[in-house]
Structures are given as C-alpha cells and as structure tokens.
Amino acid sequence: MERTEKRSASADVCVKGDDIMGFDYSLWVEKHNTCVQSVLQLCKLDKSRDSIKKSVKCNSTLCVMGNAMQDIQSYYERNVRSAAELCFLVRNVDVIITGIMDINNMLFGIGLNRQDKAIERCFLEKDVINQFRTLRSMILAHPVDTHFNNEKGESVTVYLEDVRPFNSMIDDFLIKEKCDYVKRMCSTETDESYFEPLSVEKDIEPVINAIISALDMLIANVEQKTHEMEHNLSEVSLEIDRSTTEAYIKSLDKELEKRYPSAIENIKYENGTSEHYSIIYECLMFFNARFSESTQKRYRAFLEYLKNDLNRIEVDLQQMEYDEDNYFELLNCPYFAPSLSYEKQKMEYLRNSNGTSYTEEFNGDDTPSNALWGVRCFRHLIPYIEQYFPVDISVSDKELYCQYIAANYFCNISAKE
C-alpha cells in the first residue's frame, strides 16, 4: 500500500545502510548478567507477602530486556533501513527503558505516575531518555498529536506525517546533514510540511548507551540494599533449638525462611493437602528413617555427613552467606548405576509416598500406582545399593528412598578414595 502525502508521493524504500554498531553489546551482556544475579539475590531476602510475585516479575522483566537488546543487535547485523526496521529498533529500545523503570518501581518503590520524575531517578542522562520518549511517541504511539517541551521549555504539538529512509536523490535538498531517516512533520499552526533528519548514531545510540549506564546505577543500588539487609540480619543471632535433632532441623529451617524466604516452598495441592520443603527440612526424612541393625550401622555415617552440612548451613546463615548449591553435594552421584537413569529418576515416587509398598510380585506396565512403579524401579537398583550396605526392604517407601540417597553418598565417597 502506498503512503499518501499532501503534495507528493513517496515510496517506503528499503535500503542497505552503512551503520556500524555504536554501542558495546558485549558490555551490555556483562552488565545484564550482573544485574540478573544482583536482583535475584535481593529477591531472595525479600520478606514481603508478594515477594514471590515480585521475584517472578523482576526475572521476566530482565528476560524481556535481554531479548530486546538481542533484537537491537540483530537490527545492526541486518543493516537494512526501512520504516519497519526503524519501528522495530525504537520499540526494543523503549522496552528496555520501561523494564528498567519497572524494576526500580518494584524494588525501590520509585513511582511511575510521573514519568519525568521516574526517568530522572532511574537514568543519569534524563534529557537523552526524554528526547527518545518524544521520538517514540511520534513514531509508535500517537504520531498525530505528540506533545513535548522544546529546548526553550515551550509546549509544542507536532504531527508526524511520515518517516522513511534517507534517499539522496530526493532528500539532499531537503536535509542538509547526514542522516539515516527523514521525518516529515507538520505543526498545528500551519498546513505546511517540513522535514527533519533522524540519525541512528545521534538519536538512538546515545539512548542505548544511557541504558547501559542506567544498568550500572541499578546494580549499585540493588547491591547496596542487599548489603544493608544482609548486614542487619547478620547482627541478629539465630534462634536455634538444640534439644533434639528434629528440633534443631526445624529451628534451622525457620531461620532459613526468615533470612532467605525464596529458599522455602510451601506447596498446596488440589486435594487440600500441603507440603513444606527446603533442603534443611528434607533432612528430617533421613534422620527419622529406621532400619535393621546392619543397615542402620552403615547408615549412621551418612547421617554424620548430613549433620556436618547442617552445621555449615547454620554458620553461613548467621553470616548471611547461604548458597543452596554449596550443601549436600554428595547426595547425587553420576557414577551410581549409570545405565539406570530412568529408574533413578522414578525414585521420587517413593519419596512422595506415605505408604509401605515393597513387594516381590511382578509389577507390569499396568501397575496401578506411582509407589508400586517406584518399587519396581527400586528393585533394579538393589544390586548397586548392596555394594555399600545391606538393603532393608521391610521399611516404608520413604525409607527405601533414603537408602537410595545414602547409596549415592557412599558412591561419591568411594569415587574420591
């Protein structure tokens, strides 16, 4: 479809440009990755009722921002100029600006109702962002009726009638400076069109660099808030009950929830039941398990390992240095029954069962329950578990699972010897 003009017609041509990327994409990737990790750490400390919702939204926003910058890079890689390409570029730049302000709103309560004030608090180069927002308004939002304040502070309303790639054959006498696109404008006071240049280098790239600078500021603010929260919590002593192993685990789990709420899962099921999970609380199952004397004797070495790591968690929680990946690393051994990955995966059926299902009877493909299917898979693993201790099959499904996990631990110990 041809575009219409008041006094002349112009086709939306698509031309190859000579753009050279005027921003450091690798620097953006580095800053973005740092920001993701910093925001994640801060969200872990958030104790508010909507902490999970806030964490998910922050993560999704950062994901959208990363994808938008990838699209910006692809604009430069294609090196094609057209009105559609310009809209694509402007849209993605604006997505990142909006994302930065949204994250500042969620984490620091910066209001978004007054966009000028929000931009001033979220960006170091507020004028650059404001000018871009005017450009975005003209190109994407409402081309006929864009309001802005000019350099003299006067309120101005303009109409953007068209934007197209610069064509030297027809635009040299209209535009007296190098540019990539030409904007055909009209003021409200006159019906006469006039033309303005639009340069990616001068009008867009400074905005991208301002975005990268804004990430630096966001990271610094997030890390400062995280440090303050961690310092305040490290000054408060843990409330630990050492009267019994169960009391110790439960009190340590409560401290984990106070200091790292996102490390806790409280799952509610459709049938009305619920489950509380953390790597600390999971240890209760292992300590509550009871076996025949020969099995229990060997199993105690596994429990000692768990105790040591629980003590490490206690120290790290006090110092606000908790990192879930640093604990219980020996509970999964890649060398244990390597050819039975499917059977190992189905051990979760035993972990989730509250019954006692072990049977020597054949369980076919029509096995009526997950627990019985887990038993079938467990029987395949018994020869591998017996390499480390006698298997007690007279116990509950959860206790079968505990023996499987203990075998993984001993497998890791053997591999290191």
Protein backbone atom coordinates (compact mmCIF):
# COMPACT_ATOMS: atom_id res chain seq x y z
CA MET A 1 0.00 0.00 0.00
CA GLU A 2 1.38 3.42 -0.99
CA ARG A 3 1.69 6.14 1.56
CA THR A 4 -0.10 9.37 0.88
CA GLU A 5 1.33 12.86 1.10
CA LYS A 6 -0.31 16.23 0.83
CA ARG A 7 1.60 17.37 -2.21
CA SER A 8 3.80 14.49 -3.31
CA ALA A 9 4.07 10.72 -3.13
CA SER A 10 6.98 8.82 -1.61
CA ALA A 11 7.53 5.07 -1.54
CA ASP A 12 8.82 3.37 1.58
CA VAL A 13 12.07 2.12 0.17
CA CYS A 14 14.29 -0.41 1.90
CA VAL A 15 17.97 0.36 1.57
CA LYS A 16 21.22 -1.08 2.81
CA GLY A 17 22.86 1.13 5.38
CA ASP A 18 26.45 1.63 6.43
CA ASP A 19 25.68 1.51 10.16
CA ILE A 20 28.47 0.48 12.47
CA MET A 21 27.29 -0.60 15.89
CA GLY A 22 27.78 2.44 18.12
CA PHE A 23 27.42 0.60 21.42
CA ASP A 24 29.24 -2.26 23.13
CA TYR A 25 26.92 -5.25 23.01
CA SER A 26 29.31 -7.46 24.98
CA LEU A 27 29.35 -4.82 27.72
CA TRP A 28 25.55 -4.89 27.80
CA VAL A 29 25.57 -8.69 28.15
CA GLU A 30 28.05 -8.45 31.02
CA LYS A 31 26.04 -5.75 32.82
CA HIS A 32 22.75 -7.52 32.20
CA ASN A 33 24.05 -10.81 33.63
CA THR A 34 25.36 -8.99 36.69
CA CYS A 35 22.02 -7.26 37.13
CA VAL A 36 20.14 -10.56 36.91
CA GLN A 37 22.27 -12.10 39.67
CA SER A 38 22.08 -8.99 41.87
CA VAL A 39 18.30 -8.73 41.59
CA LEU A 40 17.94 -12.47 42.25
CA GLN A 41 19.97 -12.17 45.45
CA LEU A 42 17.92 -9.21 46.66
CA CYS A 43 14.66 -11.00 45.90
CA LYS A 44 15.84 -13.96 48.00
CA LEU A 45 15.97 -11.64 51.02
CA ASP A 46 12.55 -10.13 50.42
CA LYS A 47 10.13 -10.99 53.22
CA SER A 48 7.07 -9.17 51.89
CA ARG A 49 3.84 -11.05 51.21
CA ASP A 50 4.18 -10.59 47.47
CA SER A 51 7.89 -11.49 47.39
CA ILE A 52 7.43 -14.48 45.07
CA LYS A 53 5.25 -12.49 42.67
CA LYS A 54 7.78 -9.65 42.71
CA SER A 55 10.68 -12.03 42.10
CA VAL A 56 8.92 -13.67 39.14
CA LYS A 57 8.05 -10.30 37.61
CA CYS A 58 11.60 -8.98 38.03
CA ASN A 59 13.01 -12.12 36.42
CA SER A 60 10.58 -11.91 33.49
CA THR A 61 11.29 -8.21 33.02
CA LEU A 62 15.04 -8.84 32.90
CA CYS A 63 14.43 -11.65 30.40
CA VAL A 64 12.40 -9.31 28.17
CA MET A 65 15.14 -6.67 28.41
CA GLY A 66 17.79 -9.18 27.37
CA ASN A 67 15.73 -10.33 24.39
CA ALA A 68 15.08 -6.74 23.34
CA MET A 69 18.80 -5.95 23.27
CA GLN A 70 19.39 -9.08 21.20
CA ASP A 71 16.83 -7.72 18.74
CA ILE A 72 18.64 -4.37 18.72
CA GLN A 73 21.87 -6.14 17.87
CA SER A 74 20.10 -8.01 15.06
CA TYR A 75 18.99 -4.64 13.64
CA TYR A 76 22.63 -3.69 13.21
CA GLU A 77 23.55 -7.10 11.84
CA ARG A 78 20.84 -6.92 9.16
CA ASN A 79 21.99 -3.39 8.29
CA VAL A 80 18.77 -2.61 6.42
CA ARG A 81 16.91 0.68 6.58
CA SER A 82 13.15 0.85 6.29
CA ALA A 83 10.31 2.36 8.28
CA ALA A 84 9.51 -1.11 9.62
CA GLU A 85 13.12 -1.63 10.75
CA LEU A 86 13.10 1.75 12.49
CA CYS A 87 9.90 0.90 14.34
CA PHE A 88 11.46 -2.42 15.35
CA LEU A 89 14.53 -0.62 16.72
CA VAL A 90 12.59 2.08 18.58
CA ARG A 91 10.19 -0.44 20.08
CA ASN A 92 13.00 -2.56 21.52
CA VAL A 93 14.88 0.41 22.96
CA ASP A 94 11.67 1.53 24.65
CA VAL A 95 11.06 -1.96 26.05
CA ILE A 96 14.39 -1.79 27.92
CA ILE A 97 13.72 1.72 29.23
CA THR A 98 10.33 0.60 30.52
CA GLY A 99 11.89 -2.51 32.06
CA ILE A 100 14.49 -0.50 33.97
CA MET A 101 11.80 1.77 35.41
CA ASP A 102 9.56 -1.21 36.28
CA ILE A 103 12.36 -2.92 38.22
CA ASN A 104 13.15 0.32 40.07
CA ASN A 105 9.46 0.57 40.91
CA MET A 106 9.26 -2.99 42.23
CA LEU A 107 12.49 -2.94 44.24
CA PHE A 108 12.73 0.68 45.38
CA GLY A 109 9.18 1.99 45.15
CA ILE A 110 10.01 4.62 42.54
CA GLY A 111 6.64 5.92 41.34
CA LEU A 112 5.74 5.67 37.66
CA ASN A 113 2.74 8.01 37.56
CA ARG A 114 5.03 10.97 36.86
CA GLN A 115 7.22 9.66 34.07
CA ASP A 116 9.54 12.68 34.09
CA LYS A 117 10.40 12.16 37.76
CA ALA A 118 10.77 8.39 37.27
CA ILE A 119 13.19 8.92 34.38
CA GLU A 120 15.19 11.41 36.46
CA ARG A 121 15.61 8.84 39.25
CA CYS A 122 16.32 5.84 37.02
CA PHE A 123 18.65 7.34 34.41
CA LEU A 124 21.74 9.52 34.60
CA GLU A 125 21.10 11.11 31.19
CA LYS A 126 17.46 12.08 31.65
CA ASP A 127 17.44 14.52 28.71
CA VAL A 128 18.58 11.78 26.35
CA ILE A 129 15.79 9.49 27.56
CA ASN A 130 13.14 12.23 27.43
CA GLN A 131 14.08 13.14 23.84
CA PHE A 132 13.89 9.49 22.86
CA ARG A 133 10.49 9.15 24.53
CA THR A 134 9.26 12.02 22.35
CA LEU A 135 10.63 10.26 19.27
CA ARG A 136 8.99 7.00 20.36
CA SER A 137 5.71 8.82 20.88
CA MET A 138 5.82 10.25 17.36
CA ILE A 139 6.80 7.01 15.63
CA LEU A 140 4.91 4.34 17.59
CA ALA A 141 2.27 5.78 19.90
CA HIS A 142 0.41 8.80 18.54
CA PRO A 143 2.09 10.41 15.52
CA VAL A 144 -0.74 12.89 15.09
CA ASP A 145 -0.72 14.78 18.38
CA THR A 146 2.64 14.39 20.08
CA HIS A 147 3.19 16.94 22.86
CA PHE A 148 6.62 17.85 24.20
CA ASN A 149 8.65 20.74 25.55
CA ASN A 150 11.18 22.17 23.14
CA GLU A 151 14.67 23.43 24.01
CA LYS A 152 13.17 26.75 25.15
CA GLY A 153 10.82 24.96 27.54
CA GLU A 154 7.80 25.79 25.38
CA SER A 155 5.00 23.27 24.99
CA VAL A 156 4.85 22.11 21.38
CA THR A 157 2.43 19.87 19.50
CA VAL A 158 3.53 18.30 16.22
CA TYR A 159 2.21 15.82 13.70
CA LEU A 160 4.49 13.16 12.25
CA GLU A 161 3.15 12.54 8.76
CA ASP A 162 5.79 10.11 7.59
CA VAL A 163 9.20 8.64 8.34
CA ARG A 164 11.28 6.96 5.68
CA PRO A 165 14.88 6.04 4.89
CA PHE A 166 17.02 8.87 3.60
CA ASN A 167 17.22 8.90 -0.19
CA SER A 168 19.99 11.13 -1.50
CA MET A 169 18.30 11.53 -4.89
CA ILE A 170 15.31 13.37 -3.42
CA ASP A 171 16.35 14.35 0.10
CA ASP A 172 19.67 16.13 -0.42
CA PHE A 173 17.93 19.45 -0.99
CA LEU A 174 15.57 18.89 1.99
CA ILE A 175 18.07 17.73 4.63
CA LYS A 176 21.42 19.43 4.95
CA GLU A 177 23.10 16.90 7.25
CA LYS A 178 23.95 13.23 7.19
CA CYS A 179 21.12 11.04 8.48
CA ASP A 180 19.52 7.63 8.15
CA TYR A 181 15.83 8.57 8.01
CA VAL A 182 13.73 11.59 7.15
CA LYS A 183 10.76 12.70 9.25
CA ARG A 184 8.04 14.67 7.51
CA MET A 185 6.46 16.89 10.15
CA CYS A 186 3.63 19.35 10.39
CA SER A 187 2.99 21.87 13.16
CA THR A 188 -0.51 22.68 14.35
CA GLU A 189 -0.22 26.32 13.27
CA THR A 190 0.25 25.63 9.58
CA ASP A 191 -0.67 23.10 6.94
CA GLU A 192 2.85 23.21 5.51
CA SER A 193 5.08 20.14 5.85
CA TYR A 194 8.68 20.40 6.87
CA PHE A 195 11.44 17.80 7.15
CA GLU A 196 13.80 16.78 9.94
CA PRO A 197 16.70 14.32 9.96
CA LEU A 198 16.78 11.21 12.12
CA SER A 199 20.20 9.71 12.71
CA VAL A 200 20.63 6.35 14.41
CA GLU A 201 24.08 7.41 15.54
CA LYS A 202 22.91 10.72 17.05
CA ASP A 203 19.33 9.96 18.10
CA ILE A 204 19.30 6.28 19.05
CA GLU A 205 22.78 5.13 20.06
CA PRO A 206 23.18 7.69 22.90
CA VAL A 207 19.95 6.25 24.32
CA ILE A 208 21.34 2.70 24.24
CA ASN A 209 24.49 3.86 26.00
CA ALA A 210 22.35 5.71 28.56
CA ILE A 211 20.52 2.43 29.17
CA ILE A 212 23.80 0.64 29.87
CA SER A 213 24.76 3.42 32.31
CA ALA A 214 21.37 3.06 33.98
CA LEU A 215 22.07 -0.64 34.49
CA ASP A 216 25.24 0.31 36.37
CA MET A 217 23.20 2.57 38.65
CA LEU A 218 20.54 -0.10 39.16
CA ILE A 219 23.16 -2.73 40.02
CA ALA A 220 24.83 -0.39 42.52
CA ASN A 221 21.50 0.39 44.21
CA VAL A 222 20.48 -3.27 44.34
CA GLU A 223 23.83 -4.35 45.77
CA GLN A 224 23.75 -1.57 48.37
CA LYS A 225 20.27 -2.59 49.52
CA THR A 226 21.29 -6.25 49.58
CA HIS A 227 24.38 -5.46 51.65
CA GLU A 228 22.33 -3.44 54.13
CA MET A 229 19.76 -6.22 54.53
CA GLU A 230 22.43 -8.90 54.91
CA HIS A 231 24.38 -6.81 57.43
CA ASN A 232 21.28 -6.16 59.52
CA LEU A 233 20.38 -9.85 59.56
CA SER A 234 23.94 -10.95 60.37
CA GLU A 235 23.79 -8.80 63.51
CA VAL A 236 20.80 -10.82 64.75
CA SER A 237 21.66 -14.17 66.37
CA LEU A 238 19.99 -17.29 65.06
CA GLU A 239 17.35 -18.81 67.31
CA ILE A 240 18.34 -22.48 67.34
CA ASP A 241 16.80 -25.26 69.43
CA ARG A 242 19.39 -27.98 70.06
CA SER A 243 17.29 -30.16 72.38
CA THR A 244 16.79 -32.86 69.72
CA THR A 245 17.84 -33.42 66.12
CA GLU A 246 14.28 -32.80 64.96
CA ALA A 247 14.05 -29.56 66.95
CA TYR A 248 17.42 -28.45 65.56
CA ILE A 249 16.36 -29.05 61.95
CA LYS A 250 13.01 -27.32 62.37
CA SER A 251 14.51 -24.26 64.09
CA LEU A 252 17.25 -24.01 61.45
CA ASP A 253 14.59 -24.24 58.75
CA LYS A 254 12.67 -21.36 60.40
CA GLU A 255 15.82 -19.23 60.34
CA LEU A 256 16.28 -20.06 56.67
CA GLU A 257 12.73 -18.85 55.99
CA LYS A 258 13.40 -15.61 57.90
CA ARG A 259 16.58 -14.81 56.01
CA TYR A 260 16.03 -16.40 52.59
CA PRO A 261 12.25 -16.73 52.08
CA SER A 262 12.63 -17.80 48.46
CA ALA A 263 14.59 -20.89 49.59
CA ILE A 264 11.38 -22.25 51.11
CA GLU A 265 8.48 -23.84 49.24
CA ASN A 266 5.02 -24.21 50.74
CA ILE A 267 3.11 -26.27 48.20
CA LYS A 268 -0.68 -26.60 48.32
CA TYR A 269 -2.30 -29.41 46.36
CA GLU A 270 -5.78 -29.58 44.84
CA ASN A 271 -6.86 -32.26 47.32
CA GLY A 272 -6.33 -29.81 50.18
CA THR A 273 -3.03 -31.24 51.42
CA SER A 274 0.14 -29.20 51.62
CA GLU A 275 3.89 -29.75 51.77
CA HIS A 276 6.70 -27.69 53.24
CA TYR A 277 10.07 -28.03 51.50
CA SER A 278 13.60 -26.78 51.95
CA ILE A 279 16.93 -28.60 51.72
CA ILE A 280 17.10 -28.32 55.52
CA TYR A 281 13.60 -29.64 56.21
CA GLU A 282 14.22 -32.52 53.79
CA CYS A 283 16.82 -33.85 56.22
CA LEU A 284 14.09 -34.72 58.73
CA MET A 285 13.09 -37.61 56.49
CA PHE A 286 16.63 -39.01 56.55
CA PHE A 287 17.00 -38.71 60.33
CA ASN A 288 13.55 -40.21 61.02
CA ALA A 289 14.29 -43.31 58.94
CA ARG A 290 14.89 -46.55 60.87
CA PHE A 291 16.42 -49.76 59.52
CA SER A 292 17.62 -53.16 60.60
CA GLU A 293 20.76 -53.08 62.75
CA SER A 294 23.17 -53.97 59.93
CA THR A 295 21.76 -51.30 57.63
CA GLN A 296 21.44 -48.67 60.37
CA LYS A 297 25.08 -49.14 61.41
CA ARG A 298 26.30 -48.16 57.93
CA TYR A 299 23.57 -45.51 57.53
CA ARG A 300 24.91 -43.57 60.54
CA ALA A 301 27.95 -42.46 58.51
CA PHE A 302 25.56 -40.89 56.01
CA LEU A 303 23.75 -39.08 58.85
CA GLU A 304 27.06 -37.70 60.10
CA TYR A 305 27.62 -36.15 56.69
CA LEU A 306 24.18 -34.52 56.84
CA LYS A 307 24.90 -33.16 60.35
CA ASN A 308 28.14 -31.60 59.18
CA ASP A 309 26.45 -29.84 56.29
CA LEU A 310 23.59 -28.66 58.51
CA ASN A 311 26.21 -27.12 60.81
CA ARG A 312 27.80 -25.42 57.80
CA ILE A 313 24.42 -24.01 56.83
CA GLU A 314 23.96 -22.67 60.37
CA VAL A 315 27.29 -20.81 60.20
CA ASP A 316 26.53 -19.42 56.74
CA LEU A 317 23.03 -18.32 57.73
CA GLN A 318 24.44 -16.39 60.66
CA GLN A 319 26.91 -14.64 58.37
CA MET A 320 24.33 -14.22 55.58
CA GLU A 321 26.45 -16.25 53.17
CA TYR A 322 23.94 -19.01 52.44
CA ASP A 323 24.18 -20.58 48.97
CA GLU A 324 22.00 -23.63 48.37
CA ASP A 325 24.40 -25.08 45.80
CA ASN A 326 27.16 -25.44 48.41
CA TYR A 327 25.46 -28.07 50.56
CA PHE A 328 24.66 -31.79 50.29
CA GLU A 329 26.67 -32.06 47.10
CA LEU A 330 27.38 -35.75 47.69
CA LEU A 331 23.73 -36.81 47.60
CA ASN A 332 23.78 -37.28 43.84
CA CYS A 333 26.48 -39.44 42.29
CA PRO A 334 26.80 -39.60 38.48
CA TYR A 335 28.70 -42.90 38.80
CA PHE A 336 25.92 -44.67 40.68
CA ALA A 337 24.03 -47.13 38.44
CA PRO A 338 24.84 -45.03 35.34
CA SER A 339 22.84 -47.27 32.99
CA LEU A 340 19.64 -46.93 35.05
CA SER A 341 18.92 -43.23 34.71
CA TYR A 342 15.18 -43.85 34.23
CA GLU A 343 14.93 -45.99 37.36
CA LYS A 344 16.84 -43.39 39.39
CA GLN A 345 14.51 -40.68 38.16
CA LYS A 346 11.48 -42.63 39.41
CA MET A 347 12.80 -42.78 42.99
CA GLU A 348 10.82 -39.60 43.54
CA TYR A 349 7.72 -41.79 43.54
CA LEU A 350 8.98 -43.43 46.73
CA ARG A 351 9.97 -40.12 48.27
CA ASN A 352 6.44 -38.77 47.71
CA SER A 353 4.68 -41.86 49.04
CA ASN A 354 3.36 -42.14 52.58
CA GLY A 355 2.85 -45.88 52.41
CA THR A 356 4.73 -49.17 52.55
CA SER A 357 4.58 -50.75 49.11
CA TYR A 358 7.55 -53.08 48.68
CA THR A 359 6.63 -56.40 47.10
CA GLU A 360 8.45 -59.14 45.23
CA GLU A 361 5.45 -59.60 42.98
CA PHE A 362 5.77 -58.66 39.34
CA ASN A 363 4.65 -55.13 38.52
CA GLY A 364 3.82 -54.72 34.84
CA ASP A 365 3.10 -51.65 32.74
CA ASP A 366 -0.40 -51.58 34.19
CA THR A 367 0.93 -51.03 37.74
CA PRO A 368 -1.90 -49.13 39.47
CA SER A 369 0.17 -46.63 41.48
CA ASN A 370 3.29 -44.49 41.28
CA ALA A 371 4.55 -46.03 44.52
CA LEU A 372 4.44 -49.56 43.08
CA TRP A 373 6.18 -48.35 39.94
CA GLY A 374 8.83 -46.80 42.17
CA VAL A 375 9.23 -50.17 43.93
CA ARG A 376 9.66 -51.88 40.57
CA CYS A 377 12.44 -49.42 39.69
CA PHE A 378 13.98 -49.73 43.17
CA ARG A 379 14.35 -53.49 42.72
CA HIS A 380 16.56 -52.82 39.68
CA LEU A 381 18.77 -50.60 41.85
CA ILE A 382 19.18 -53.03 44.77
CA PRO A 383 22.37 -54.69 43.41
CA TYR A 384 24.02 -51.27 43.21
CA ILE A 385 22.88 -50.21 46.70
CA GLU A 386 24.13 -53.50 48.15
CA GLN A 387 27.65 -52.57 47.11
CA TYR A 388 27.63 -50.15 50.06
CA PHE A 389 25.33 -51.65 52.72
CA PRO A 390 22.65 -54.35 53.17
CA VAL A 391 19.28 -53.23 51.79
CA ASP A 392 16.37 -53.31 54.23
CA ILE A 393 13.18 -53.93 52.21
CA SER A 394 10.84 -54.22 55.22
CA VAL A 395 10.54 -50.45 55.57
CA SER A 396 8.31 -47.65 54.22
CA ASP A 397 8.60 -46.21 50.73
CA LYS A 398 10.28 -43.07 52.06
CA GLU A 399 12.85 -45.24 53.87
CA LEU A 400 13.57 -47.11 50.62
CA TYR A 401 14.22 -43.71 49.09
CA CYS A 402 16.56 -42.80 51.98
CA GLN A 403 18.63 -45.93 51.29
CA TYR A 404 18.87 -44.93 47.62
CA ILE A 405 20.15 -41.45 48.55
CA ALA A 406 22.59 -42.88 51.10
CA ALA A 407 23.96 -45.19 48.40
CA ASN A 408 24.62 -42.16 46.21
CA TYR A 409 26.58 -40.60 49.07
CA PHE A 410 28.73 -43.72 49.56
CA CYS A 411 29.27 -43.93 45.80
CA ASN A 412 30.70 -40.42 45.82
CA ILE A 413 32.95 -41.25 48.78
CA SER A 414 34.23 -44.37 47.02
CA ALA A 415 34.94 -42.40 43.85
CA LYS A 416 37.14 -39.99 45.81
CA GLU A 417 39.18 -42.72 47.51
